[in-house]
N, C-alpha and C. Protein backbone atom coordinates (compact mmCIF):
# COMPACT_ATOMS: atom_id res chain seq x y z
N UNK A 1 15.95 -111.82 -83.70
CA UNK A 1 16.38 -110.89 -82.67
C UNK A 1 15.57 -111.16 -81.40
N UNK A 2 16.21 -111.03 -80.28
CA UNK A 2 15.60 -111.26 -78.98
C UNK A 2 14.48 -110.25 -78.74
N UNK A 3 13.30 -110.70 -78.25
CA UNK A 3 12.15 -109.82 -78.01
C UNK A 3 12.44 -108.80 -76.91
N UNK A 4 13.21 -109.17 -75.91
CA UNK A 4 13.51 -108.23 -74.83
C UNK A 4 14.39 -107.09 -75.35
N UNK A 5 15.26 -107.40 -76.32
CA UNK A 5 16.10 -106.37 -76.92
C UNK A 5 15.24 -105.41 -77.73
N UNK A 6 14.23 -105.92 -78.41
CA UNK A 6 13.32 -105.07 -79.18
C UNK A 6 12.55 -104.11 -78.28
N UNK A 7 12.27 -104.52 -77.05
CA UNK A 7 11.56 -103.65 -76.11
C UNK A 7 12.50 -102.57 -75.55
N UNK A 8 13.77 -102.90 -75.41
CA UNK A 8 14.74 -101.97 -74.81
C UNK A 8 15.19 -100.91 -75.82
N UNK A 9 15.30 -101.27 -77.11
CA UNK A 9 15.80 -100.34 -78.12
C UNK A 9 14.99 -99.04 -78.20
N UNK A 10 13.67 -99.07 -78.25
CA UNK A 10 12.94 -97.78 -78.30
C UNK A 10 13.18 -96.92 -77.06
N UNK A 11 13.28 -97.54 -75.91
CA UNK A 11 13.54 -96.79 -74.68
C UNK A 11 14.94 -96.17 -74.73
N UNK A 12 15.90 -96.93 -75.23
CA UNK A 12 17.27 -96.42 -75.34
C UNK A 12 17.33 -95.23 -76.29
N UNK A 13 16.64 -95.34 -77.45
CA UNK A 13 16.61 -94.23 -78.39
C UNK A 13 15.93 -93.00 -77.78
N UNK A 14 14.85 -93.23 -77.06
CA UNK A 14 14.13 -92.13 -76.42
C UNK A 14 15.03 -91.43 -75.41
N UNK A 15 15.74 -92.17 -74.59
CA UNK A 15 16.66 -91.58 -73.61
C UNK A 15 17.80 -90.83 -74.30
N UNK A 16 18.33 -91.43 -75.35
CA UNK A 16 19.44 -90.82 -76.06
C UNK A 16 19.04 -89.46 -76.66
N UNK A 17 17.91 -89.40 -77.31
CA UNK A 17 17.51 -88.17 -77.99
C UNK A 17 16.84 -87.16 -77.06
N UNK A 18 16.28 -87.62 -75.93
CA UNK A 18 15.67 -86.67 -75.00
C UNK A 18 16.73 -85.91 -74.20
N UNK A 19 17.95 -86.43 -74.13
CA UNK A 19 19.04 -85.77 -73.40
C UNK A 19 19.87 -84.90 -74.32
N UNK A 20 19.51 -84.80 -75.57
CA UNK A 20 20.29 -84.01 -76.51
C UNK A 20 20.20 -82.53 -76.16
N UNK A 21 21.30 -81.83 -76.32
CA UNK A 21 21.37 -80.39 -76.02
C UNK A 21 20.73 -79.61 -77.15
N UNK A 22 20.01 -78.58 -76.80
CA UNK A 22 19.46 -77.68 -77.81
C UNK A 22 20.08 -76.30 -77.62
N UNK A 23 20.32 -75.63 -78.69
CA UNK A 23 20.89 -74.28 -78.67
C UNK A 23 19.96 -73.37 -79.45
N UNK A 24 19.65 -72.24 -78.85
CA UNK A 24 18.77 -71.27 -79.49
C UNK A 24 19.50 -69.95 -79.59
N UNK A 25 19.52 -69.36 -80.74
CA UNK A 25 20.12 -68.03 -80.92
C UNK A 25 19.16 -66.98 -80.37
N UNK A 26 19.73 -66.04 -79.62
CA UNK A 26 18.93 -64.94 -79.08
C UNK A 26 19.65 -63.63 -79.38
N UNK A 27 18.93 -62.55 -79.27
CA UNK A 27 19.53 -61.23 -79.47
C UNK A 27 20.58 -60.99 -78.40
N UNK A 28 21.75 -60.45 -78.76
CA UNK A 28 22.80 -60.20 -77.76
C UNK A 28 22.37 -59.26 -76.64
N UNK A 29 21.39 -58.42 -76.89
CA UNK A 29 20.94 -57.47 -75.86
C UNK A 29 19.86 -58.06 -74.95
N UNK A 30 19.39 -59.27 -75.24
CA UNK A 30 18.36 -59.89 -74.41
C UNK A 30 18.96 -60.30 -73.06
N UNK A 31 18.29 -59.89 -71.99
CA UNK A 31 18.76 -60.22 -70.64
C UNK A 31 18.42 -61.67 -70.30
N UNK A 32 19.44 -62.45 -70.02
CA UNK A 32 19.27 -63.84 -69.59
C UNK A 32 20.15 -64.01 -68.35
N UNK A 33 19.53 -64.37 -67.24
CA UNK A 33 20.27 -64.50 -65.99
C UNK A 33 20.06 -65.90 -65.46
N UNK A 34 21.01 -66.80 -65.70
CA UNK A 34 20.86 -68.19 -65.29
C UNK A 34 21.34 -68.43 -63.87
N UNK A 35 22.50 -67.86 -63.52
CA UNK A 35 23.13 -68.19 -62.25
C UNK A 35 22.92 -67.14 -61.17
N UNK A 36 22.56 -65.93 -61.56
CA UNK A 36 22.48 -64.84 -60.60
C UNK A 36 23.80 -64.13 -60.42
N UNK A 37 24.83 -64.57 -61.12
CA UNK A 37 26.14 -63.92 -61.05
C UNK A 37 26.20 -62.76 -62.04
N UNK A 38 27.26 -61.94 -61.93
CA UNK A 38 27.50 -60.85 -62.87
C UNK A 38 27.57 -61.44 -64.27
N UNK A 39 26.93 -60.77 -65.23
CA UNK A 39 26.92 -61.30 -66.59
C UNK A 39 27.02 -60.18 -67.61
N UNK A 40 26.89 -60.53 -68.89
CA UNK A 40 27.05 -59.56 -69.97
C UNK A 40 26.02 -58.44 -69.90
N UNK A 41 24.81 -58.75 -69.47
CA UNK A 41 23.77 -57.72 -69.34
C UNK A 41 24.17 -56.70 -68.29
N UNK A 42 24.70 -57.18 -67.17
CA UNK A 42 25.14 -56.27 -66.11
C UNK A 42 26.25 -55.36 -66.62
N UNK A 43 27.22 -55.93 -67.32
CA UNK A 43 28.34 -55.14 -67.86
C UNK A 43 27.83 -54.04 -68.78
N UNK A 44 26.95 -54.41 -69.68
CA UNK A 44 26.42 -53.44 -70.66
C UNK A 44 25.62 -52.35 -69.97
N UNK A 45 24.73 -52.73 -69.04
CA UNK A 45 23.90 -51.74 -68.34
C UNK A 45 24.74 -50.77 -67.54
N UNK A 46 25.69 -51.29 -66.79
CA UNK A 46 26.51 -50.44 -65.92
C UNK A 46 27.42 -49.54 -66.76
N UNK A 47 28.04 -50.09 -67.80
CA UNK A 47 28.92 -49.27 -68.65
C UNK A 47 28.14 -48.12 -69.28
N UNK A 48 26.99 -48.42 -69.87
CA UNK A 48 26.17 -47.36 -70.49
C UNK A 48 25.78 -46.30 -69.47
N UNK A 49 25.24 -46.73 -68.34
CA UNK A 49 24.75 -45.77 -67.34
C UNK A 49 25.87 -44.92 -66.78
N UNK A 50 26.99 -45.55 -66.44
CA UNK A 50 28.06 -44.79 -65.80
C UNK A 50 28.71 -43.79 -66.75
N UNK A 51 28.94 -44.17 -67.99
CA UNK A 51 29.60 -43.24 -68.92
C UNK A 51 28.67 -42.07 -69.22
N UNK A 52 27.37 -42.34 -69.38
CA UNK A 52 26.47 -41.21 -69.64
C UNK A 52 26.26 -40.36 -68.40
N UNK A 53 26.34 -40.95 -67.20
CA UNK A 53 26.33 -40.16 -65.96
C UNK A 53 27.57 -39.26 -65.93
N UNK A 54 28.70 -39.81 -66.33
CA UNK A 54 29.94 -39.03 -66.39
C UNK A 54 29.77 -37.85 -67.35
N UNK A 55 29.33 -38.11 -68.56
CA UNK A 55 29.21 -37.05 -69.57
C UNK A 55 28.15 -36.00 -69.19
N UNK A 56 27.16 -36.40 -68.41
CA UNK A 56 26.11 -35.46 -67.98
C UNK A 56 26.49 -34.70 -66.72
N UNK A 57 27.60 -35.07 -66.08
CA UNK A 57 27.96 -34.43 -64.81
C UNK A 57 28.46 -33.01 -65.04
N UNK A 58 28.14 -32.13 -64.10
CA UNK A 58 28.59 -30.74 -64.17
C UNK A 58 30.10 -30.65 -64.15
N UNK A 59 30.76 -31.55 -63.39
CA UNK A 59 32.22 -31.52 -63.30
C UNK A 59 32.87 -31.78 -64.66
N UNK A 60 32.34 -32.77 -65.38
CA UNK A 60 32.91 -33.10 -66.69
C UNK A 60 32.65 -31.97 -67.68
N UNK A 61 31.45 -31.44 -67.67
CA UNK A 61 31.11 -30.34 -68.59
C UNK A 61 32.00 -29.13 -68.32
N UNK A 62 32.22 -28.80 -67.05
CA UNK A 62 33.08 -27.68 -66.69
C UNK A 62 34.51 -27.92 -67.15
N UNK A 63 34.99 -29.15 -66.96
CA UNK A 63 36.35 -29.50 -67.40
C UNK A 63 36.47 -29.33 -68.91
N UNK A 64 35.51 -29.84 -69.67
CA UNK A 64 35.54 -29.74 -71.13
C UNK A 64 35.48 -28.28 -71.57
N UNK A 65 34.65 -27.47 -70.91
CA UNK A 65 34.56 -26.05 -71.25
C UNK A 65 35.89 -25.35 -71.02
N UNK A 66 36.53 -25.63 -69.90
CA UNK A 66 37.83 -25.01 -69.60
C UNK A 66 38.89 -25.46 -70.59
N UNK A 67 38.79 -26.69 -71.05
CA UNK A 67 39.75 -27.22 -72.01
C UNK A 67 39.53 -26.61 -73.40
N UNK A 68 38.28 -26.31 -73.72
CA UNK A 68 37.96 -25.71 -75.01
C UNK A 68 37.87 -26.69 -76.16
N UNK A 69 37.82 -27.98 -75.85
CA UNK A 69 37.71 -29.03 -76.87
C UNK A 69 37.22 -30.30 -76.19
N UNK A 70 37.00 -31.33 -77.00
CA UNK A 70 36.61 -32.61 -76.42
C UNK A 70 37.77 -33.16 -75.60
N UNK A 71 37.53 -33.56 -74.35
CA UNK A 71 38.60 -34.18 -73.56
C UNK A 71 39.01 -35.52 -74.17
N UNK A 72 40.28 -35.84 -74.02
CA UNK A 72 40.82 -37.11 -74.50
C UNK A 72 40.97 -38.03 -73.30
N UNK A 73 40.36 -39.22 -73.39
CA UNK A 73 40.32 -40.16 -72.27
C UNK A 73 41.07 -41.43 -72.64
N UNK A 74 41.82 -41.96 -71.68
CA UNK A 74 42.40 -43.29 -71.79
C UNK A 74 41.81 -44.10 -70.64
N UNK A 75 41.41 -45.32 -70.93
CA UNK A 75 40.85 -46.18 -69.90
C UNK A 75 41.99 -46.96 -69.26
N UNK A 76 42.15 -46.78 -67.96
CA UNK A 76 43.17 -47.49 -67.21
C UNK A 76 42.63 -48.80 -66.68
N UNK A 77 43.13 -49.22 -65.55
CA UNK A 77 42.76 -50.52 -64.99
C UNK A 77 41.45 -50.44 -64.22
N UNK A 78 40.58 -51.41 -64.47
CA UNK A 78 39.36 -51.61 -63.70
C UNK A 78 39.59 -52.93 -62.96
N UNK A 79 39.70 -52.86 -61.65
CA UNK A 79 40.02 -54.05 -60.85
C UNK A 79 38.75 -54.78 -60.42
N UNK A 80 38.79 -56.09 -60.53
CA UNK A 80 37.71 -56.94 -60.03
C UNK A 80 38.07 -57.36 -58.61
N UNK A 81 37.37 -56.79 -57.63
CA UNK A 81 37.62 -57.15 -56.24
C UNK A 81 36.46 -57.97 -55.67
N UNK A 82 35.64 -58.53 -56.56
CA UNK A 82 34.55 -59.40 -56.11
C UNK A 82 35.11 -60.79 -55.87
N UNK A 83 34.29 -61.66 -55.32
CA UNK A 83 34.70 -63.05 -55.12
C UNK A 83 34.44 -63.89 -56.36
N UNK A 84 33.84 -63.30 -57.38
CA UNK A 84 33.51 -64.01 -58.62
C UNK A 84 34.56 -63.75 -59.69
N UNK A 85 34.60 -64.66 -60.65
CA UNK A 85 35.44 -64.40 -61.82
C UNK A 85 34.64 -63.49 -62.75
N UNK A 86 35.07 -62.24 -62.87
CA UNK A 86 34.46 -61.30 -63.80
C UNK A 86 35.57 -60.86 -64.73
N UNK A 87 35.33 -60.97 -66.01
CA UNK A 87 36.32 -60.56 -66.99
C UNK A 87 36.33 -59.04 -67.07
N UNK A 88 37.22 -58.41 -66.31
CA UNK A 88 37.29 -56.95 -66.26
C UNK A 88 37.66 -56.37 -67.62
N UNK A 89 38.47 -57.10 -68.42
CA UNK A 89 38.84 -56.61 -69.75
C UNK A 89 37.61 -56.47 -70.63
N UNK A 90 36.68 -57.40 -70.52
CA UNK A 90 35.44 -57.33 -71.29
C UNK A 90 34.64 -56.09 -70.88
N UNK A 91 34.59 -55.83 -69.58
CA UNK A 91 33.89 -54.65 -69.08
C UNK A 91 34.57 -53.37 -69.57
N UNK A 92 35.91 -53.34 -69.56
CA UNK A 92 36.67 -52.18 -70.05
C UNK A 92 36.31 -51.92 -71.51
N UNK A 93 36.24 -52.97 -72.31
CA UNK A 93 35.89 -52.80 -73.73
C UNK A 93 34.51 -52.19 -73.89
N UNK A 94 33.58 -52.57 -73.03
CA UNK A 94 32.23 -51.99 -73.11
C UNK A 94 32.29 -50.49 -72.77
N UNK A 95 33.10 -50.12 -71.77
CA UNK A 95 33.28 -48.70 -71.44
C UNK A 95 33.88 -47.96 -72.63
N UNK A 96 34.90 -48.55 -73.26
CA UNK A 96 35.55 -47.90 -74.39
C UNK A 96 34.59 -47.72 -75.57
N UNK A 97 33.75 -48.70 -75.81
CA UNK A 97 32.78 -48.58 -76.91
C UNK A 97 31.84 -47.40 -76.66
N UNK A 98 31.34 -47.28 -75.44
CA UNK A 98 30.42 -46.19 -75.12
C UNK A 98 31.13 -44.84 -75.25
N UNK A 99 32.35 -44.73 -74.74
CA UNK A 99 33.09 -43.47 -74.85
C UNK A 99 33.32 -43.13 -76.32
N UNK A 100 33.82 -44.10 -77.08
CA UNK A 100 34.12 -43.86 -78.49
C UNK A 100 32.89 -43.45 -79.28
N UNK A 101 31.79 -44.13 -79.06
CA UNK A 101 30.58 -43.87 -79.84
C UNK A 101 29.81 -42.64 -79.38
N UNK A 102 30.16 -42.08 -78.22
CA UNK A 102 29.42 -40.96 -77.66
C UNK A 102 29.59 -39.67 -78.45
N UNK A 103 30.77 -39.46 -79.00
CA UNK A 103 31.06 -38.20 -79.68
C UNK A 103 31.32 -37.06 -78.71
N UNK A 104 31.31 -37.34 -77.42
CA UNK A 104 31.49 -36.31 -76.39
C UNK A 104 32.94 -36.21 -75.97
N UNK A 105 33.69 -37.28 -76.10
CA UNK A 105 35.11 -37.31 -75.74
C UNK A 105 35.86 -38.12 -76.78
N UNK A 106 37.16 -37.89 -76.83
CA UNK A 106 38.04 -38.69 -77.69
C UNK A 106 38.61 -39.83 -76.85
N UNK A 107 38.94 -40.92 -77.49
CA UNK A 107 39.49 -42.09 -76.82
C UNK A 107 40.84 -42.42 -77.42
N UNK A 108 41.86 -42.59 -76.58
CA UNK A 108 43.16 -43.06 -77.06
C UNK A 108 43.42 -44.44 -76.50
N UNK A 109 44.35 -45.14 -77.13
CA UNK A 109 44.62 -46.53 -76.78
C UNK A 109 45.23 -46.66 -75.39
N UNK A 110 44.91 -47.77 -74.75
CA UNK A 110 45.48 -48.09 -73.44
C UNK A 110 46.93 -48.52 -73.62
N UNK A 111 47.65 -48.65 -72.53
CA UNK A 111 49.08 -48.97 -72.59
C UNK A 111 49.37 -50.25 -73.36
N UNK A 112 48.52 -51.25 -73.22
CA UNK A 112 48.75 -52.53 -73.90
C UNK A 112 48.82 -52.34 -75.42
N UNK A 113 47.88 -51.57 -75.97
CA UNK A 113 47.83 -51.39 -77.42
C UNK A 113 48.79 -50.30 -77.89
N UNK A 114 49.04 -49.30 -77.05
CA UNK A 114 50.02 -48.26 -77.40
C UNK A 114 51.38 -48.88 -77.65
N UNK A 115 51.77 -49.83 -76.79
CA UNK A 115 53.06 -50.49 -76.97
C UNK A 115 53.14 -51.23 -78.30
N UNK A 116 52.05 -51.86 -78.69
CA UNK A 116 52.02 -52.57 -79.98
C UNK A 116 52.11 -51.58 -81.14
N UNK A 117 51.45 -50.45 -81.02
CA UNK A 117 51.51 -49.43 -82.07
C UNK A 117 52.92 -48.85 -82.17
N UNK A 118 53.56 -48.63 -81.04
CA UNK A 118 54.92 -48.09 -81.05
C UNK A 118 55.89 -49.09 -81.68
N UNK A 119 55.70 -50.36 -81.41
CA UNK A 119 56.55 -51.38 -82.02
C UNK A 119 56.35 -51.39 -83.54
N UNK A 120 55.10 -51.29 -83.97
CA UNK A 120 54.82 -51.25 -85.41
C UNK A 120 55.47 -50.01 -86.04
N UNK A 121 55.37 -48.87 -85.37
CA UNK A 121 55.97 -47.63 -85.86
C UNK A 121 57.49 -47.79 -85.98
N UNK A 122 58.10 -48.46 -85.01
CA UNK A 122 59.54 -48.71 -85.04
C UNK A 122 59.89 -49.58 -86.24
N UNK A 123 59.13 -50.64 -86.46
CA UNK A 123 59.37 -51.53 -87.60
C UNK A 123 59.23 -50.77 -88.93
N UNK A 124 58.27 -49.87 -89.00
CA UNK A 124 58.07 -49.12 -90.24
C UNK A 124 59.28 -48.26 -90.59
N UNK A 125 60.02 -47.80 -89.59
CA UNK A 125 61.19 -46.97 -89.86
C UNK A 125 62.22 -47.73 -90.68
N UNK A 126 62.28 -49.06 -90.49
CA UNK A 126 63.25 -49.88 -91.21
C UNK A 126 62.68 -50.56 -92.45
N UNK A 127 61.39 -50.84 -92.46
CA UNK A 127 60.84 -51.70 -93.51
C UNK A 127 59.80 -51.06 -94.42
N UNK A 128 59.28 -49.90 -94.08
CA UNK A 128 58.29 -49.24 -94.94
C UNK A 128 58.97 -48.13 -95.75
N UNK A 129 58.34 -47.76 -96.84
CA UNK A 129 58.90 -46.66 -97.63
C UNK A 129 58.82 -45.38 -96.80
N UNK A 130 59.74 -44.47 -97.05
CA UNK A 130 59.78 -43.23 -96.26
C UNK A 130 58.50 -42.42 -96.41
N UNK A 131 57.81 -42.54 -97.54
CA UNK A 131 56.58 -41.77 -97.73
C UNK A 131 55.40 -42.36 -96.97
N UNK A 132 55.48 -43.64 -96.57
CA UNK A 132 54.36 -44.26 -95.85
C UNK A 132 54.67 -44.58 -94.39
N UNK A 133 55.95 -44.52 -94.00
CA UNK A 133 56.32 -44.82 -92.61
C UNK A 133 55.74 -43.75 -91.68
N UNK A 134 55.12 -44.18 -90.62
CA UNK A 134 54.50 -43.26 -89.66
C UNK A 134 55.56 -42.70 -88.73
N UNK A 135 55.41 -41.44 -88.38
CA UNK A 135 56.42 -40.73 -87.59
C UNK A 135 56.17 -40.88 -86.10
N UNK A 136 57.26 -40.76 -85.35
CA UNK A 136 57.17 -40.70 -83.89
C UNK A 136 56.80 -39.28 -83.48
N UNK A 137 56.28 -39.15 -82.27
CA UNK A 137 55.99 -37.83 -81.73
C UNK A 137 54.69 -37.22 -82.22
N UNK A 138 53.81 -38.02 -82.80
CA UNK A 138 52.53 -37.50 -83.32
C UNK A 138 51.33 -38.04 -82.52
N UNK A 139 51.60 -38.75 -81.43
CA UNK A 139 50.51 -39.30 -80.63
C UNK A 139 49.72 -38.19 -79.96
N UNK A 140 48.46 -38.45 -79.70
CA UNK A 140 47.62 -37.52 -78.96
C UNK A 140 47.67 -37.94 -77.49
N UNK A 141 48.07 -37.02 -76.65
CA UNK A 141 48.15 -37.31 -75.22
C UNK A 141 46.78 -37.23 -74.57
N UNK A 142 46.51 -38.16 -73.68
CA UNK A 142 45.24 -38.17 -72.95
C UNK A 142 45.23 -37.06 -71.91
N UNK A 143 44.07 -36.46 -71.71
CA UNK A 143 43.87 -35.47 -70.65
C UNK A 143 43.46 -36.16 -69.36
N UNK A 144 42.69 -37.21 -69.51
CA UNK A 144 42.05 -37.87 -68.37
C UNK A 144 42.25 -39.38 -68.43
N UNK A 145 42.33 -40.01 -67.25
CA UNK A 145 42.39 -41.46 -67.18
C UNK A 145 41.22 -41.95 -66.33
N UNK A 146 40.55 -42.99 -66.84
CA UNK A 146 39.43 -43.60 -66.14
C UNK A 146 39.92 -44.85 -65.42
N UNK A 147 39.77 -44.87 -64.10
CA UNK A 147 40.12 -46.02 -63.27
C UNK A 147 38.86 -46.56 -62.63
N UNK A 148 38.96 -47.74 -62.04
CA UNK A 148 37.79 -48.20 -61.31
C UNK A 148 38.00 -49.52 -60.63
N UNK A 149 36.95 -49.92 -59.92
CA UNK A 149 36.96 -51.23 -59.27
C UNK A 149 35.54 -51.74 -59.16
N UNK A 150 35.44 -53.06 -59.12
CA UNK A 150 34.17 -53.74 -58.96
C UNK A 150 34.24 -54.53 -57.67
N UNK A 151 33.28 -54.32 -56.80
CA UNK A 151 33.22 -55.05 -55.54
C UNK A 151 31.83 -55.67 -55.40
N UNK A 152 31.69 -56.56 -54.43
CA UNK A 152 30.37 -57.14 -54.19
C UNK A 152 30.21 -57.45 -52.71
N UNK A 153 28.97 -57.42 -52.28
CA UNK A 153 28.60 -57.81 -50.92
C UNK A 153 27.55 -58.90 -51.05
N UNK A 154 27.73 -60.00 -50.33
CA UNK A 154 26.83 -61.14 -50.44
C UNK A 154 26.25 -61.48 -49.08
N UNK A 155 24.94 -61.73 -49.06
CA UNK A 155 24.25 -62.18 -47.86
C UNK A 155 23.50 -63.46 -48.23
N UNK A 156 23.69 -64.52 -47.43
CA UNK A 156 23.03 -65.79 -47.73
C UNK A 156 22.32 -66.32 -46.49
N UNK A 157 21.22 -66.99 -46.73
CA UNK A 157 20.48 -67.70 -45.69
C UNK A 157 19.66 -68.78 -46.37
N UNK A 158 19.74 -69.99 -45.79
CA UNK A 158 19.04 -71.14 -46.36
C UNK A 158 19.40 -71.27 -47.83
N UNK A 159 18.43 -71.24 -48.69
CA UNK A 159 18.70 -71.37 -50.13
C UNK A 159 18.48 -70.05 -50.85
N UNK A 160 18.70 -68.95 -50.14
CA UNK A 160 18.51 -67.62 -50.71
C UNK A 160 19.83 -66.86 -50.63
N UNK A 161 20.03 -66.00 -51.63
CA UNK A 161 21.27 -65.22 -51.68
C UNK A 161 20.95 -63.85 -52.26
N UNK A 162 21.51 -62.83 -51.63
CA UNK A 162 21.43 -61.48 -52.16
C UNK A 162 22.86 -61.02 -52.43
N UNK A 163 23.10 -60.59 -53.67
CA UNK A 163 24.43 -60.09 -54.03
C UNK A 163 24.26 -58.66 -54.52
N UNK A 164 25.03 -57.76 -53.93
CA UNK A 164 25.03 -56.36 -54.34
C UNK A 164 26.37 -56.08 -55.00
N UNK A 165 26.34 -55.81 -56.31
CA UNK A 165 27.55 -55.49 -57.07
C UNK A 165 27.69 -53.98 -57.10
N UNK A 166 28.88 -53.50 -56.77
CA UNK A 166 29.14 -52.06 -56.74
C UNK A 166 30.30 -51.78 -57.68
N UNK A 167 30.04 -50.97 -58.70
CA UNK A 167 31.08 -50.54 -59.63
C UNK A 167 31.37 -49.07 -59.36
N UNK A 168 32.64 -48.76 -59.11
CA UNK A 168 33.06 -47.40 -58.84
C UNK A 168 34.07 -47.00 -59.89
N UNK A 169 33.86 -45.85 -60.52
CA UNK A 169 34.79 -45.33 -61.51
C UNK A 169 35.30 -43.97 -61.07
N UNK A 170 36.56 -43.69 -61.40
CA UNK A 170 37.20 -42.42 -61.08
C UNK A 170 37.78 -41.86 -62.37
N UNK A 171 37.49 -40.62 -62.68
CA UNK A 171 38.08 -39.95 -63.83
C UNK A 171 39.04 -38.89 -63.30
N UNK A 172 40.32 -39.03 -63.64
CA UNK A 172 41.36 -38.19 -63.04
C UNK A 172 42.15 -37.45 -64.11
N UNK A 173 42.42 -36.18 -63.85
CA UNK A 173 43.26 -35.35 -64.72
C UNK A 173 44.69 -35.87 -64.63
N UNK A 174 45.28 -36.23 -65.76
CA UNK A 174 46.61 -36.85 -65.77
C UNK A 174 47.69 -35.87 -65.33
N UNK A 175 47.55 -34.62 -65.68
CA UNK A 175 48.59 -33.64 -65.36
C UNK A 175 48.57 -33.24 -63.88
N UNK A 176 47.39 -33.03 -63.33
CA UNK A 176 47.29 -32.51 -61.96
C UNK A 176 46.96 -33.57 -60.91
N UNK A 177 46.57 -34.77 -61.33
CA UNK A 177 46.09 -35.83 -60.44
C UNK A 177 44.77 -35.47 -59.77
N UNK A 178 44.11 -34.43 -60.22
CA UNK A 178 42.84 -34.00 -59.64
C UNK A 178 41.72 -34.89 -60.16
N UNK A 179 40.90 -35.36 -59.25
CA UNK A 179 39.76 -36.18 -59.64
C UNK A 179 38.69 -35.25 -60.22
N UNK A 180 38.33 -35.51 -61.46
CA UNK A 180 37.34 -34.69 -62.16
C UNK A 180 35.93 -35.22 -61.91
N UNK A 181 35.81 -36.55 -61.80
CA UNK A 181 34.49 -37.16 -61.63
C UNK A 181 34.66 -38.45 -60.85
N UNK A 182 33.64 -38.77 -60.08
CA UNK A 182 33.63 -39.97 -59.26
C UNK A 182 32.22 -40.53 -59.36
N UNK A 183 32.07 -41.75 -59.84
CA UNK A 183 30.73 -42.32 -60.01
C UNK A 183 30.64 -43.72 -59.46
N UNK A 184 29.43 -44.07 -59.07
CA UNK A 184 29.19 -45.40 -58.52
C UNK A 184 27.83 -45.90 -58.99
N UNK A 185 27.79 -47.18 -59.36
CA UNK A 185 26.54 -47.82 -59.80
C UNK A 185 26.43 -49.17 -59.12
N UNK A 186 25.22 -49.50 -58.68
CA UNK A 186 24.98 -50.77 -57.98
C UNK A 186 23.93 -51.59 -58.71
N UNK A 187 24.13 -52.90 -58.67
CA UNK A 187 23.12 -53.86 -59.14
C UNK A 187 22.94 -54.86 -58.01
N UNK A 188 21.70 -55.04 -57.58
CA UNK A 188 21.42 -55.99 -56.52
C UNK A 188 20.60 -57.14 -57.10
N UNK A 189 21.02 -58.37 -56.77
CA UNK A 189 20.34 -59.56 -57.27
C UNK A 189 19.88 -60.43 -56.10
N UNK A 190 18.65 -60.88 -56.19
CA UNK A 190 18.07 -61.80 -55.19
C UNK A 190 17.91 -63.14 -55.89
N UNK A 191 18.59 -64.17 -55.36
CA UNK A 191 18.60 -65.48 -56.00
C UNK A 191 18.03 -66.52 -55.02
N UNK A 192 17.03 -67.26 -55.48
CA UNK A 192 16.47 -68.36 -54.70
C UNK A 192 16.76 -69.67 -55.43
N UNK A 193 17.24 -70.66 -54.69
CA UNK A 193 17.49 -71.98 -55.29
C UNK A 193 16.34 -72.91 -55.00
């Protein structure tokens, strides 16, 4: 074998294995911010804070007292109006988890899943036994709908960037269109390259 090839082989192996990707498992709740953009930690923090701010608000407590039971909430559309790709559906799911697990309000399915349930109920009328087929007209109607939007403001200079993410949620009485609660949460990030 050529001596020059013998000298190159160890270097080639070193380069090949030094560029190998490593993956480390971390706790899902651990904050890791690589890009400075909105991420899973931001979604979780904002969802938790905003829903508990809602449940602690005097307006919500007064509404629940007047109702005489746990209010039933359906989560509507949360619009992403930032310049970034933010998976608003993922954020909605985090809101739904907090509402469901709170024990303070009831949660009913959004329109997307309600339609699937209604289709299944329709199929059961033809294909399930009469003793197990689920009936129409037994759904629980929501009292309140949660809407919202995510916006951001960005300031850049040289290799520095400040991004202020603003999440605004509105809780509205479905029957009267009266806004029961209005909340806003901000996260500001300073990024240096």
